């Protein structure tokens, strides 16, 4: 199926291409377009990543679960987003998170074979893909070296920032105070006091077993 040029132009992988390149790729590229109803699973944690999926229309929620399944983080993503481009190659070929449609969504998927062909024949596509991979790596590699905040409120914020894919926007953490206290090597009482301080400052919304963060960039 030929991919419309206006759809290609919206994909991060093809930013910077000339009109001639867009015309050629739109006629040659092997792809699939999927429409997802609200609540549908777009990509599921643990499933093999067999193609490059980009959400072009709609809003999605990214859900990541801890290895021991004791807590999880849900993030809202409202802009054009390529789902885990670092999972197509390397040792780990399975999605780390599950992506649900918050609204009706449209995605464009390029097969692994089609992507390999593009990478081998087009320098700009190759550069854009490398930039996506590097950005993914660089956003996390410095986290272990950041200074530990001097107070528990700051350590809670750092705990969240170290576990999200995007440093801004709405986040919801499903975790008990006891589990969070264990993660931060402190008592449940101290965690309760710190969380209530953040709630009183209107930086978070605190519910039983749930921490809602309206805008992580404001914490």
N, C-alpha and C. Protein backbone atom coordinates (compact mmCIF):
# COMPACT_ATOMS: atom_id res chain seq x y z
N UNK A 1 0.85 -1.19 0.00
CA UNK A 1 0.00 0.00 0.00
C UNK A 1 0.89 1.25 0.00
N UNK A 2 0.61 2.20 -0.86
CA UNK A 2 1.40 3.43 -0.92
C UNK A 2 1.01 4.34 0.24
N UNK A 3 2.00 4.89 0.87
CA UNK A 3 1.76 5.76 2.02
C UNK A 3 1.65 7.20 1.55
N UNK A 4 0.59 7.90 1.94
CA UNK A 4 0.41 9.28 1.53
C UNK A 4 1.55 10.15 2.04
N UNK A 5 1.98 11.09 1.19
CA UNK A 5 3.13 11.91 1.52
C UNK A 5 2.89 12.75 2.76
N UNK A 6 1.66 13.25 2.95
CA UNK A 6 1.39 14.08 4.12
C UNK A 6 1.49 13.28 5.41
N UNK A 7 1.22 11.96 5.33
CA UNK A 7 1.36 11.12 6.52
C UNK A 7 2.84 10.89 6.82
N UNK A 8 3.63 10.63 5.78
CA UNK A 8 5.07 10.43 5.96
C UNK A 8 5.71 11.66 6.61
N UNK A 9 5.32 12.83 6.16
CA UNK A 9 5.95 14.06 6.62
C UNK A 9 5.76 14.28 8.11
N UNK A 10 4.74 13.63 8.71
CA UNK A 10 4.49 13.80 10.15
C UNK A 10 5.35 12.88 11.01
N UNK A 11 6.01 11.90 10.40
CA UNK A 11 6.76 10.93 11.17
C UNK A 11 8.16 11.45 11.49
N UNK A 12 8.60 11.34 12.76
CA UNK A 12 9.94 11.81 13.13
C UNK A 12 11.05 11.17 12.29
N UNK A 13 10.83 9.95 11.85
CA UNK A 13 11.85 9.23 11.07
C UNK A 13 12.15 9.93 9.75
N UNK A 14 11.20 10.69 9.22
CA UNK A 14 11.35 11.28 7.89
C UNK A 14 11.51 12.79 7.90
N UNK A 15 11.74 13.37 9.06
CA UNK A 15 11.95 14.81 9.16
C UNK A 15 13.19 15.21 8.35
N UNK A 16 13.07 16.27 7.55
CA UNK A 16 14.22 16.77 6.79
C UNK A 16 14.35 16.20 5.40
N UNK A 17 13.46 15.29 5.00
CA UNK A 17 13.53 14.72 3.66
C UNK A 17 13.03 15.72 2.62
N UNK A 18 13.57 15.64 1.43
CA UNK A 18 13.13 16.50 0.34
C UNK A 18 11.79 16.00 -0.21
N UNK A 19 11.13 16.85 -1.01
CA UNK A 19 9.87 16.46 -1.64
C UNK A 19 10.06 15.24 -2.54
N UNK A 20 11.19 15.19 -3.22
CA UNK A 20 11.47 14.06 -4.11
C UNK A 20 11.57 12.76 -3.31
N UNK A 21 12.31 12.82 -2.17
CA UNK A 21 12.46 11.63 -1.33
C UNK A 21 11.12 11.20 -0.75
N UNK A 22 10.31 12.17 -0.31
CA UNK A 22 9.00 11.84 0.24
C UNK A 22 8.11 11.18 -0.81
N UNK A 23 8.17 11.69 -2.04
CA UNK A 23 7.38 11.09 -3.12
C UNK A 23 7.83 9.65 -3.39
N UNK A 24 9.13 9.44 -3.41
CA UNK A 24 9.65 8.11 -3.71
C UNK A 24 9.28 7.13 -2.61
N UNK A 25 9.50 7.53 -1.34
CA UNK A 25 9.22 6.64 -0.22
C UNK A 25 7.73 6.34 -0.11
N UNK A 26 6.90 7.36 -0.38
CA UNK A 26 5.46 7.15 -0.25
C UNK A 26 4.94 6.12 -1.26
N UNK A 27 5.65 5.97 -2.36
CA UNK A 27 5.21 5.00 -3.38
C UNK A 27 5.84 3.63 -3.19
N UNK A 28 6.96 3.56 -2.46
CA UNK A 28 7.70 2.31 -2.35
C UNK A 28 7.61 1.65 -0.97
N UNK A 29 7.32 2.44 0.06
CA UNK A 29 7.42 1.94 1.42
C UNK A 29 6.34 0.91 1.76
N UNK A 30 6.76 -0.18 2.37
CA UNK A 30 5.83 -1.17 2.89
C UNK A 30 5.43 -0.76 4.31
N UNK A 31 4.15 -0.61 4.56
CA UNK A 31 3.68 -0.08 5.84
C UNK A 31 2.27 -0.59 6.12
N UNK A 32 1.79 -0.30 7.31
CA UNK A 32 0.39 -0.57 7.64
C UNK A 32 -0.13 0.55 8.54
N UNK A 33 -1.37 0.94 8.29
CA UNK A 33 -2.04 1.95 9.11
C UNK A 33 -3.10 1.24 9.95
N UNK A 34 -3.11 1.54 11.26
CA UNK A 34 -4.07 0.91 12.16
C UNK A 34 -4.88 1.99 12.87
N UNK A 35 -6.15 1.74 13.04
CA UNK A 35 -7.04 2.62 13.80
C UNK A 35 -7.43 1.89 15.08
N UNK A 36 -7.25 2.56 16.20
CA UNK A 36 -7.47 1.94 17.51
C UNK A 36 -8.59 2.68 18.24
N UNK A 37 -9.53 1.92 18.76
CA UNK A 37 -10.59 2.51 19.57
C UNK A 37 -10.05 2.87 20.95
N UNK A 38 -10.74 3.76 21.62
CA UNK A 38 -10.36 4.15 22.98
C UNK A 38 -10.28 2.91 23.87
N UNK A 39 -9.16 2.76 24.58
CA UNK A 39 -8.95 1.63 25.48
C UNK A 39 -8.21 0.47 24.84
N UNK A 40 -8.04 0.49 23.53
CA UNK A 40 -7.37 -0.61 22.85
C UNK A 40 -5.88 -0.64 23.17
N UNK A 41 -5.28 -1.82 23.15
CA UNK A 41 -3.85 -1.98 23.37
C UNK A 41 -3.14 -1.79 22.02
N UNK A 42 -2.19 -0.86 21.98
CA UNK A 42 -1.43 -0.60 20.76
C UNK A 42 -0.16 -1.45 20.73
N UNK A 43 0.52 -1.53 21.85
CA UNK A 43 1.71 -2.39 21.99
C UNK A 43 1.72 -2.89 23.43
N UNK A 44 2.13 -4.13 23.63
CA UNK A 44 2.03 -4.76 24.95
C UNK A 44 3.39 -5.18 25.48
N UNK A 45 3.63 -4.87 26.74
CA UNK A 45 4.89 -5.25 27.39
C UNK A 45 5.11 -6.75 27.28
N UNK A 46 6.34 -7.13 26.94
CA UNK A 46 6.68 -8.54 26.82
C UNK A 46 6.50 -9.10 25.43
N UNK A 47 5.76 -8.41 24.57
CA UNK A 47 5.57 -8.87 23.20
C UNK A 47 6.77 -8.46 22.34
N UNK A 48 7.09 -9.28 21.35
CA UNK A 48 8.22 -9.00 20.46
C UNK A 48 7.91 -7.78 19.60
N UNK A 49 8.87 -6.87 19.50
CA UNK A 49 8.74 -5.69 18.65
C UNK A 49 9.17 -6.08 17.24
N UNK A 50 8.23 -6.15 16.31
CA UNK A 50 8.52 -6.60 14.95
C UNK A 50 8.46 -5.48 13.93
N UNK A 51 8.11 -4.28 14.36
CA UNK A 51 8.04 -3.14 13.45
C UNK A 51 8.10 -1.84 14.21
N UNK A 52 8.33 -0.76 13.49
CA UNK A 52 8.44 0.57 14.10
C UNK A 52 7.07 1.23 14.08
N UNK A 53 6.46 1.41 15.27
CA UNK A 53 5.11 1.96 15.38
C UNK A 53 5.19 3.42 15.82
N UNK A 54 4.49 4.29 15.08
CA UNK A 54 4.40 5.70 15.45
C UNK A 54 2.94 6.08 15.60
N UNK A 55 2.60 6.68 16.74
CA UNK A 55 1.24 7.20 16.96
C UNK A 55 1.17 8.58 16.33
N UNK A 56 0.34 8.73 15.30
CA UNK A 56 0.26 9.99 14.57
C UNK A 56 -0.96 10.83 14.96
N UNK A 57 -2.01 10.16 15.42
CA UNK A 57 -3.23 10.86 15.81
C UNK A 57 -3.73 10.26 17.12
N UNK A 58 -4.10 11.12 18.08
CA UNK A 58 -4.67 10.63 19.33
C UNK A 58 -3.71 10.67 20.49
N UNK A 59 -4.22 10.29 21.65
CA UNK A 59 -3.46 10.29 22.89
C UNK A 59 -3.35 8.87 23.42
N UNK A 60 -2.18 8.56 23.97
CA UNK A 60 -1.96 7.21 24.49
C UNK A 60 -1.48 7.28 25.94
N UNK A 61 -1.65 6.17 26.63
CA UNK A 61 -1.13 6.01 27.99
C UNK A 61 -0.07 4.93 27.95
N UNK A 62 1.08 5.21 28.54
CA UNK A 62 2.18 4.25 28.62
C UNK A 62 2.23 3.71 30.04
N UNK A 63 2.09 2.40 30.21
CA UNK A 63 2.08 1.78 31.52
C UNK A 63 3.31 0.88 31.68
N UNK A 64 4.10 1.14 32.72
CA UNK A 64 5.29 0.36 33.01
C UNK A 64 5.16 -0.24 34.40
N UNK A 65 5.41 -1.55 34.49
CA UNK A 65 5.24 -2.29 35.75
C UNK A 65 6.61 -2.70 36.28
N UNK A 66 6.79 -2.62 37.60
CA UNK A 66 8.05 -3.03 38.20
C UNK A 66 8.27 -4.52 38.01
N UNK A 67 9.52 -4.95 38.10
CA UNK A 67 9.85 -6.36 37.86
C UNK A 67 9.10 -7.31 38.80
N UNK A 68 8.88 -6.85 40.03
CA UNK A 68 8.18 -7.72 40.99
C UNK A 68 6.66 -7.48 41.00
N UNK A 69 6.19 -6.63 40.07
CA UNK A 69 4.75 -6.33 39.91
C UNK A 69 4.13 -5.71 41.16
N UNK A 70 4.94 -5.04 41.96
CA UNK A 70 4.40 -4.43 43.18
C UNK A 70 3.95 -2.99 42.98
N UNK A 71 4.37 -2.36 41.89
CA UNK A 71 3.90 -1.00 41.60
C UNK A 71 4.01 -0.76 40.09
N UNK A 72 3.31 0.28 39.62
CA UNK A 72 3.34 0.61 38.20
C UNK A 72 3.19 2.11 38.00
N UNK A 73 3.67 2.57 36.86
CA UNK A 73 3.61 3.99 36.52
C UNK A 73 2.87 4.13 35.19
N UNK A 74 1.92 5.06 35.14
CA UNK A 74 1.16 5.33 33.92
C UNK A 74 1.42 6.77 33.50
N UNK A 75 1.84 6.94 32.24
CA UNK A 75 2.12 8.27 31.70
C UNK A 75 1.18 8.55 30.53
N UNK A 76 0.77 9.80 30.40
CA UNK A 76 -0.03 10.22 29.25
C UNK A 76 0.89 10.84 28.21
N UNK A 77 0.70 10.45 26.94
CA UNK A 77 1.49 10.98 25.83
C UNK A 77 0.53 11.58 24.81
N UNK A 78 0.68 12.89 24.57
CA UNK A 78 -0.29 13.60 23.74
C UNK A 78 0.24 14.00 22.37
N UNK A 79 1.53 13.84 22.11
CA UNK A 79 2.10 14.27 20.84
C UNK A 79 2.46 13.07 19.97
N UNK A 80 2.89 13.34 18.74
CA UNK A 80 3.34 12.26 17.85
C UNK A 80 4.48 11.52 18.54
N UNK A 81 4.35 10.21 18.60
CA UNK A 81 5.29 9.43 19.42
C UNK A 81 5.62 8.10 18.76
N UNK A 82 6.93 7.84 18.62
CA UNK A 82 7.39 6.55 18.12
C UNK A 82 7.63 5.63 19.32
N UNK A 83 7.02 4.47 19.30
CA UNK A 83 7.02 3.56 20.45
C UNK A 83 8.31 2.72 20.50
N UNK A 84 9.11 2.96 21.50
CA UNK A 84 10.31 2.18 21.82
C UNK A 84 11.11 1.78 20.57
N UNK A 85 11.66 2.77 19.87
CA UNK A 85 12.44 2.46 18.66
C UNK A 85 13.71 1.66 18.95
N UNK A 86 14.12 1.61 20.23
CA UNK A 86 15.34 0.87 20.60
C UNK A 86 15.10 -0.62 20.79
N UNK A 87 13.86 -1.08 20.56
CA UNK A 87 13.56 -2.50 20.76
C UNK A 87 13.57 -3.33 19.47
N UNK A 88 13.88 -2.71 18.34
CA UNK A 88 13.90 -3.45 17.08
C UNK A 88 15.18 -4.25 16.89
N UNK A 89 16.27 -3.78 17.52
CA UNK A 89 17.55 -4.45 17.36
C UNK A 89 18.22 -4.59 18.73
N UNK A 90 19.20 -5.47 18.81
CA UNK A 90 19.93 -5.65 20.06
C UNK A 90 19.50 -6.90 20.81
N UNK A 91 19.82 -6.91 22.10
CA UNK A 91 19.55 -8.09 22.92
C UNK A 91 18.10 -8.16 23.40
N UNK A 92 17.50 -6.99 23.67
CA UNK A 92 16.13 -6.94 24.20
C UNK A 92 15.18 -6.52 23.10
N UNK A 93 14.41 -7.48 22.56
CA UNK A 93 13.53 -7.21 21.43
C UNK A 93 12.06 -7.18 21.82
N UNK A 94 11.79 -7.08 23.10
CA UNK A 94 10.40 -7.06 23.58
C UNK A 94 10.09 -5.71 24.22
N UNK A 95 8.84 -5.28 24.07
CA UNK A 95 8.43 -3.99 24.64
C UNK A 95 8.56 -4.01 26.16
N UNK A 96 9.02 -2.91 26.72
CA UNK A 96 9.15 -2.78 28.17
C UNK A 96 7.86 -2.28 28.81
N UNK A 97 7.01 -1.64 28.02
CA UNK A 97 5.79 -1.04 28.55
C UNK A 97 4.60 -1.40 27.67
N UNK A 98 3.41 -1.17 28.21
CA UNK A 98 2.17 -1.37 27.46
C UNK A 98 1.58 -0.01 27.11
N UNK A 99 1.11 0.12 25.88
CA UNK A 99 0.57 1.39 25.39
C UNK A 99 -0.91 1.21 25.06
N UNK A 100 -1.75 1.98 25.76
CA UNK A 100 -3.20 1.95 25.54
C UNK A 100 -3.64 3.24 24.85
N UNK A 101 -4.70 3.16 24.06
CA UNK A 101 -5.29 4.34 23.44
C UNK A 101 -6.19 5.06 24.46
N UNK A 102 -5.84 6.30 24.78
CA UNK A 102 -6.68 7.11 25.66
C UNK A 102 -7.86 7.70 24.90
N UNK A 103 -7.64 7.94 23.62
CA UNK A 103 -8.68 8.38 22.70
C UNK A 103 -8.61 7.47 21.48
N UNK A 104 -9.47 7.68 20.52
CA UNK A 104 -9.30 6.96 19.27
C UNK A 104 -7.96 7.39 18.66
N UNK A 105 -7.20 6.43 18.17
CA UNK A 105 -5.84 6.71 17.71
C UNK A 105 -5.59 6.12 16.32
N UNK A 106 -4.62 6.70 15.65
CA UNK A 106 -4.12 6.14 14.39
C UNK A 106 -2.63 5.90 14.54
N UNK A 107 -2.16 4.75 14.10
CA UNK A 107 -0.73 4.45 14.12
C UNK A 107 -0.28 4.02 12.73
N UNK A 108 0.98 4.30 12.46
CA UNK A 108 1.62 3.83 11.24
C UNK A 108 2.75 2.91 11.64
N UNK A 109 2.77 1.71 11.07
CA UNK A 109 3.81 0.74 11.40
C UNK A 109 4.62 0.40 10.16
N UNK A 110 5.95 0.49 10.31
CA UNK A 110 6.88 0.10 9.25
C UNK A 110 7.51 -1.22 9.67
N UNK A 111 7.50 -2.20 8.80
CA UNK A 111 8.08 -3.49 9.14
C UNK A 111 9.58 -3.36 9.36
N UNK A 112 10.13 -4.30 10.09
CA UNK A 112 11.57 -4.30 10.34
C UNK A 112 12.34 -4.39 9.03
N UNK A 113 11.85 -5.19 8.11
CA UNK A 113 12.51 -5.34 6.82
C UNK A 113 12.47 -4.03 6.03
N UNK A 114 11.30 -3.37 6.05
CA UNK A 114 11.18 -2.09 5.35
C UNK A 114 12.09 -1.03 5.95
N UNK A 115 12.19 -1.03 7.30
CA UNK A 115 13.07 -0.07 7.96
C UNK A 115 14.53 -0.32 7.58
N UNK A 116 14.94 -1.58 7.55
CA UNK A 116 16.32 -1.93 7.18
C UNK A 116 16.63 -1.43 5.77
N UNK A 117 15.68 -1.57 4.86
CA UNK A 117 15.88 -1.08 3.50
C UNK A 117 16.06 0.44 3.48
N UNK A 118 15.21 1.13 4.24
CA UNK A 118 15.32 2.59 4.31
C UNK A 118 16.65 3.03 4.92
N UNK A 119 17.06 2.35 5.97
CA UNK A 119 18.31 2.71 6.64
C UNK A 119 19.51 2.50 5.72
N UNK A 120 19.42 1.53 4.86
CA UNK A 120 20.55 1.22 3.98
C UNK A 120 20.62 2.15 2.77
N UNK A 121 19.51 2.82 2.44
CA UNK A 121 19.49 3.61 1.21
C UNK A 121 19.33 5.11 1.43
N UNK A 122 18.96 5.53 2.66
CA UNK A 122 18.68 6.96 2.87
C UNK A 122 19.42 7.47 4.09
N UNK A 123 20.33 8.41 3.88
CA UNK A 123 21.17 8.90 4.97
C UNK A 123 20.35 9.65 6.02
N UNK A 124 19.39 10.48 5.60
CA UNK A 124 18.62 11.28 6.57
C UNK A 124 17.77 10.38 7.45
N UNK A 125 17.15 9.36 6.87
CA UNK A 125 16.37 8.41 7.67
C UNK A 125 17.28 7.70 8.66
N UNK A 126 18.47 7.30 8.21
CA UNK A 126 19.43 6.64 9.09
C UNK A 126 19.84 7.56 10.23
N UNK A 127 20.09 8.82 9.92
CA UNK A 127 20.49 9.79 10.95
C UNK A 127 19.36 10.04 11.94
N UNK A 128 18.13 10.18 11.45
CA UNK A 128 16.99 10.40 12.34
C UNK A 128 16.77 9.22 13.28
N UNK A 129 16.93 8.01 12.75
CA UNK A 129 16.76 6.82 13.59
C UNK A 129 17.86 6.75 14.65
N UNK A 130 19.09 7.05 14.26
CA UNK A 130 20.19 7.07 15.24
C UNK A 130 19.93 8.12 16.31
N UNK A 131 19.39 9.27 15.91
CA UNK A 131 19.08 10.32 16.89
C UNK A 131 18.03 9.85 17.89
N UNK A 132 17.02 9.10 17.42
CA UNK A 132 16.00 8.56 18.32
C UNK A 132 16.62 7.60 19.33
N UNK A 133 17.52 6.73 18.83
CA UNK A 133 18.16 5.76 19.71
C UNK A 133 19.06 6.46 20.73
N UNK A 134 19.83 7.44 20.26
CA UNK A 134 20.74 8.15 21.16
C UNK A 134 19.97 8.94 22.22
N UNK A 135 18.87 9.57 21.82
CA UNK A 135 18.07 10.33 22.78
C UNK A 135 17.54 9.41 23.87
N UNK A 136 17.09 8.22 23.48
CA UNK A 136 16.57 7.25 24.44
C UNK A 136 17.65 6.86 25.45
N UNK A 137 18.86 6.65 24.96
CA UNK A 137 19.96 6.25 25.84
C UNK A 137 20.43 7.40 26.73
N UNK A 138 20.56 8.58 26.13
CA UNK A 138 21.14 9.71 26.85
C UNK A 138 20.23 10.26 27.94
N UNK A 139 18.91 10.05 27.80
CA UNK A 139 18.00 10.56 28.82
C UNK A 139 18.06 9.75 30.12
N UNK A 140 18.63 8.55 30.05
CA UNK A 140 18.66 7.70 31.25
C UNK A 140 20.05 7.45 31.80
N UNK A 141 21.10 7.60 30.98
CA UNK A 141 22.43 7.18 31.42
C UNK A 141 22.97 8.02 32.57
N UNK A 142 22.52 9.27 32.70
CA UNK A 142 23.06 10.14 33.75
C UNK A 142 22.29 10.01 35.07
N UNK A 143 21.13 9.37 35.05
CA UNK A 143 20.30 9.30 36.25
C UNK A 143 21.02 8.76 37.48
N UNK A 144 21.82 7.69 37.38
CA UNK A 144 22.48 7.16 38.59
C UNK A 144 23.50 8.12 39.20
N UNK A 145 23.92 9.13 38.44
CA UNK A 145 24.98 10.02 38.91
C UNK A 145 24.45 11.34 39.47
N UNK A 146 23.15 11.53 39.44
CA UNK A 146 22.58 12.75 39.99
C UNK A 146 22.69 12.74 41.51
N UNK A 147 22.92 13.92 42.08
CA UNK A 147 23.04 14.03 43.54
C UNK A 147 21.73 13.65 44.22
N UNK A 148 21.84 12.98 45.35
CA UNK A 148 20.65 12.60 46.10
C UNK A 148 20.05 13.84 46.75
N UNK A 149 18.75 14.12 46.56
CA UNK A 149 18.12 15.29 47.17
C UNK A 149 18.26 15.26 48.69
N UNK A 150 18.32 16.44 49.32
CA UNK A 150 18.56 16.50 50.77
C UNK A 150 17.34 16.14 51.62
N UNK A 151 16.15 16.10 51.02
CA UNK A 151 14.95 15.78 51.81
C UNK A 151 14.15 14.68 51.12
N UNK A 152 13.21 14.12 51.88
CA UNK A 152 12.45 12.98 51.37
C UNK A 152 11.52 13.38 50.23
N UNK A 153 10.96 14.59 50.27
CA UNK A 153 10.13 15.04 49.16
C UNK A 153 10.91 15.01 47.86
N UNK A 154 12.13 15.49 47.89
CA UNK A 154 12.97 15.49 46.70
C UNK A 154 13.32 14.08 46.24
N UNK A 155 13.52 13.18 47.19
CA UNK A 155 13.83 11.79 46.83
C UNK A 155 12.63 11.10 46.20
N UNK A 156 11.43 11.45 46.63
CA UNK A 156 10.23 10.89 46.01
C UNK A 156 10.11 11.38 44.57
N UNK A 157 10.35 12.67 44.37
CA UNK A 157 10.31 13.22 43.01
C UNK A 157 11.36 12.54 42.12
N UNK A 158 12.56 12.35 42.66
CA UNK A 158 13.62 11.69 41.90
C UNK A 158 13.25 10.24 41.58
N UNK A 159 12.61 9.57 42.53
CA UNK A 159 12.15 8.19 42.31
C UNK A 159 11.24 8.12 41.10
N UNK A 160 10.32 9.09 40.99
CA UNK A 160 9.39 9.10 39.87
C UNK A 160 10.12 9.42 38.57
N UNK A 161 10.95 10.46 38.58
CA UNK A 161 11.63 10.89 37.36
C UNK A 161 12.55 9.80 36.81
N UNK A 162 13.10 8.97 37.68
CA UNK A 162 13.99 7.89 37.23
C UNK A 162 13.23 6.75 36.57
N UNK A 163 11.89 6.75 36.68
CA UNK A 163 11.09 5.63 36.19
C UNK A 163 10.12 6.00 35.08
N UNK A 164 10.20 7.20 34.58
CA UNK A 164 9.31 7.61 33.50
C UNK A 164 10.08 7.77 32.20
N UNK A 165 9.37 7.70 31.10
CA UNK A 165 9.99 7.85 29.78
C UNK A 165 10.06 9.30 29.34
N UNK A 166 9.13 10.13 29.87
CA UNK A 166 9.08 11.53 29.48
C UNK A 166 9.11 12.40 30.73
N UNK A 167 9.98 13.40 30.77
CA UNK A 167 10.18 14.20 31.99
C UNK A 167 9.10 15.25 32.24
N UNK A 168 8.02 15.22 31.50
CA UNK A 168 6.96 16.20 31.67
C UNK A 168 5.61 15.53 31.47
N UNK A 169 4.56 16.25 31.87
CA UNK A 169 3.21 15.75 31.66
C UNK A 169 2.63 15.01 32.85
N UNK A 170 1.46 14.47 32.64
CA UNK A 170 0.71 13.79 33.71
C UNK A 170 1.25 12.39 33.96
N UNK A 171 1.44 12.05 35.25
CA UNK A 171 1.90 10.73 35.66
C UNK A 171 1.02 10.23 36.80
N UNK A 172 0.78 8.93 36.81
CA UNK A 172 0.05 8.30 37.90
C UNK A 172 0.85 7.10 38.37
N UNK A 173 1.17 7.07 39.67
CA UNK A 173 1.95 5.98 40.23
C UNK A 173 1.05 5.18 41.16
N UNK A 174 0.92 3.90 40.86
CA UNK A 174 0.11 3.00 41.69
C UNK A 174 1.09 2.25 42.61
N UNK A 175 1.17 2.71 43.85
CA UNK A 175 2.13 2.15 44.78
C UNK A 175 1.66 2.41 46.21
N UNK A 176 1.89 1.47 47.09
CA UNK A 176 1.54 1.67 48.49
C UNK A 176 2.63 2.48 49.19
N UNK A 177 2.28 3.13 50.27
CA UNK A 177 3.28 3.89 51.02
C UNK A 177 4.35 2.96 51.59
N UNK A 178 3.95 1.76 51.98
CA UNK A 178 4.93 0.80 52.51
C UNK A 178 5.95 0.42 51.44
N UNK A 179 5.46 0.17 50.22
CA UNK A 179 6.38 -0.21 49.13
C UNK A 179 7.30 0.95 48.78
N UNK A 180 6.75 2.17 48.73
CA UNK A 180 7.57 3.34 48.43
C UNK A 180 8.61 3.56 49.53
N UNK A 181 8.21 3.34 50.78
CA UNK A 181 9.15 3.47 51.90
C UNK A 181 10.30 2.47 51.76
N UNK A 182 9.99 1.25 51.35
CA UNK A 182 11.04 0.25 51.14
C UNK A 182 12.00 0.67 50.03
N UNK A 183 11.45 1.24 48.97
CA UNK A 183 12.29 1.69 47.86
C UNK A 183 13.23 2.82 48.29
N UNK A 184 12.76 3.65 49.20
CA UNK A 184 13.54 4.83 49.61
C UNK A 184 14.27 4.61 50.93
N UNK A 185 14.20 3.38 51.44
CA UNK A 185 14.92 3.02 52.68
C UNK A 185 14.56 3.95 53.84
N UNK A 186 13.27 4.11 54.04
CA UNK A 186 12.79 4.93 55.14
C UNK A 186 11.52 4.29 55.69
N UNK A 187 10.84 4.97 56.59
CA UNK A 187 9.64 4.41 57.20
C UNK A 187 8.38 4.84 56.46
N UNK A 188 7.33 4.06 56.65
CA UNK A 188 6.05 4.41 56.04
C UNK A 188 5.56 5.75 56.57
N UNK A 189 5.76 6.02 57.84
CA UNK A 189 5.32 7.29 58.44
C UNK A 189 6.00 8.48 57.77
N UNK A 190 7.30 8.37 57.56
CA UNK A 190 8.04 9.47 56.93
C UNK A 190 7.55 9.70 55.50
N UNK A 191 7.27 8.61 54.79
CA UNK A 191 6.74 8.74 53.43
C UNK A 191 5.37 9.40 53.44
N UNK A 192 4.54 9.01 54.39
CA UNK A 192 3.21 9.61 54.50
C UNK A 192 3.29 11.11 54.74
N UNK A 193 4.19 11.52 55.63
CA UNK A 193 4.36 12.95 55.92
C UNK A 193 4.83 13.69 54.68
N UNK A 194 5.82 13.13 53.98
CA UNK A 194 6.36 13.78 52.79
C UNK A 194 5.32 13.90 51.68
N UNK A 195 4.56 12.84 51.45
CA UNK A 195 3.53 12.87 50.42
C UNK A 195 2.43 13.87 50.75
N UNK A 196 2.05 13.93 52.00
CA UNK A 196 1.02 14.89 52.39
C UNK A 196 1.53 16.33 52.27
N UNK A 197 2.82 16.54 52.52
CA UNK A 197 3.40 17.87 52.31
C UNK A 197 3.30 18.27 50.84
N UNK A 198 3.63 17.34 49.94
CA UNK A 198 3.54 17.62 48.51
C UNK A 198 2.08 17.85 48.09
N UNK A 199 1.16 17.09 48.70
CA UNK A 199 -0.26 17.27 48.39
C UNK A 199 -0.76 18.62 48.88
N UNK A 200 -0.31 19.04 50.06
CA UNK A 200 -0.72 20.33 50.61
C UNK A 200 -0.19 21.49 49.76
N UNK A 201 0.92 21.26 49.08
CA UNK A 201 1.49 22.27 48.18
C UNK A 201 0.85 22.21 46.79
N UNK A 202 -0.12 21.28 46.62
CA UNK A 202 -0.85 21.09 45.37
C UNK A 202 0.08 20.67 44.23
N UNK A 203 1.14 19.96 44.58
CA UNK A 203 2.07 19.45 43.56
C UNK A 203 1.69 18.03 43.14
N UNK A 204 0.98 17.33 44.02
CA UNK A 204 0.47 16.00 43.70
C UNK A 204 -0.95 15.88 44.23
N UNK A 205 -1.65 14.85 43.76
CA UNK A 205 -2.97 14.49 44.30
C UNK A 205 -2.82 13.11 44.89
N UNK A 206 -3.11 13.00 46.16
CA UNK A 206 -2.86 11.77 46.90
C UNK A 206 -4.16 11.01 47.13
N UNK A 207 -4.17 9.73 46.73
CA UNK A 207 -5.30 8.84 46.97
C UNK A 207 -4.76 7.55 47.57
N UNK A 208 -5.64 6.71 48.01
CA UNK A 208 -5.21 5.45 48.62
C UNK A 208 -4.49 4.57 47.58
N UNK A 209 -3.21 4.36 47.78
CA UNK A 209 -2.42 3.54 46.88
C UNK A 209 -2.11 4.19 45.55
N UNK A 210 -2.41 5.49 45.41
CA UNK A 210 -2.23 6.17 44.12
C UNK A 210 -1.62 7.56 44.36
N UNK A 211 -0.62 7.90 43.56
CA UNK A 211 -0.06 9.24 43.56
C UNK A 211 -0.27 9.82 42.16
N UNK A 212 -1.06 10.88 42.06
CA UNK A 212 -1.29 11.52 40.77
C UNK A 212 -0.44 12.79 40.68
N UNK A 213 0.28 12.93 39.58
CA UNK A 213 1.11 14.11 39.34
C UNK A 213 0.58 14.81 38.10
N UNK A 214 -0.07 15.95 38.24
CA UNK A 214 -0.66 16.63 37.07
C UNK A 214 0.38 17.07 36.04
N UNK A 215 1.55 17.53 36.52
CA UNK A 215 2.60 18.00 35.61
C UNK A 215 3.96 17.75 36.26
N UNK A 216 4.64 16.72 35.81
CA UNK A 216 5.91 16.34 36.43
C UNK A 216 6.95 17.45 36.33
N UNK A 217 6.91 18.23 35.27
CA UNK A 217 7.90 19.28 35.08
C UNK A 217 7.79 20.38 36.14
N UNK A 218 6.65 20.45 36.85
CA UNK A 218 6.45 21.48 37.87
C UNK A 218 6.86 21.01 39.26
N UNK A 219 7.22 19.73 39.40
CA UNK A 219 7.63 19.22 40.72
C UNK A 219 9.03 19.70 41.07
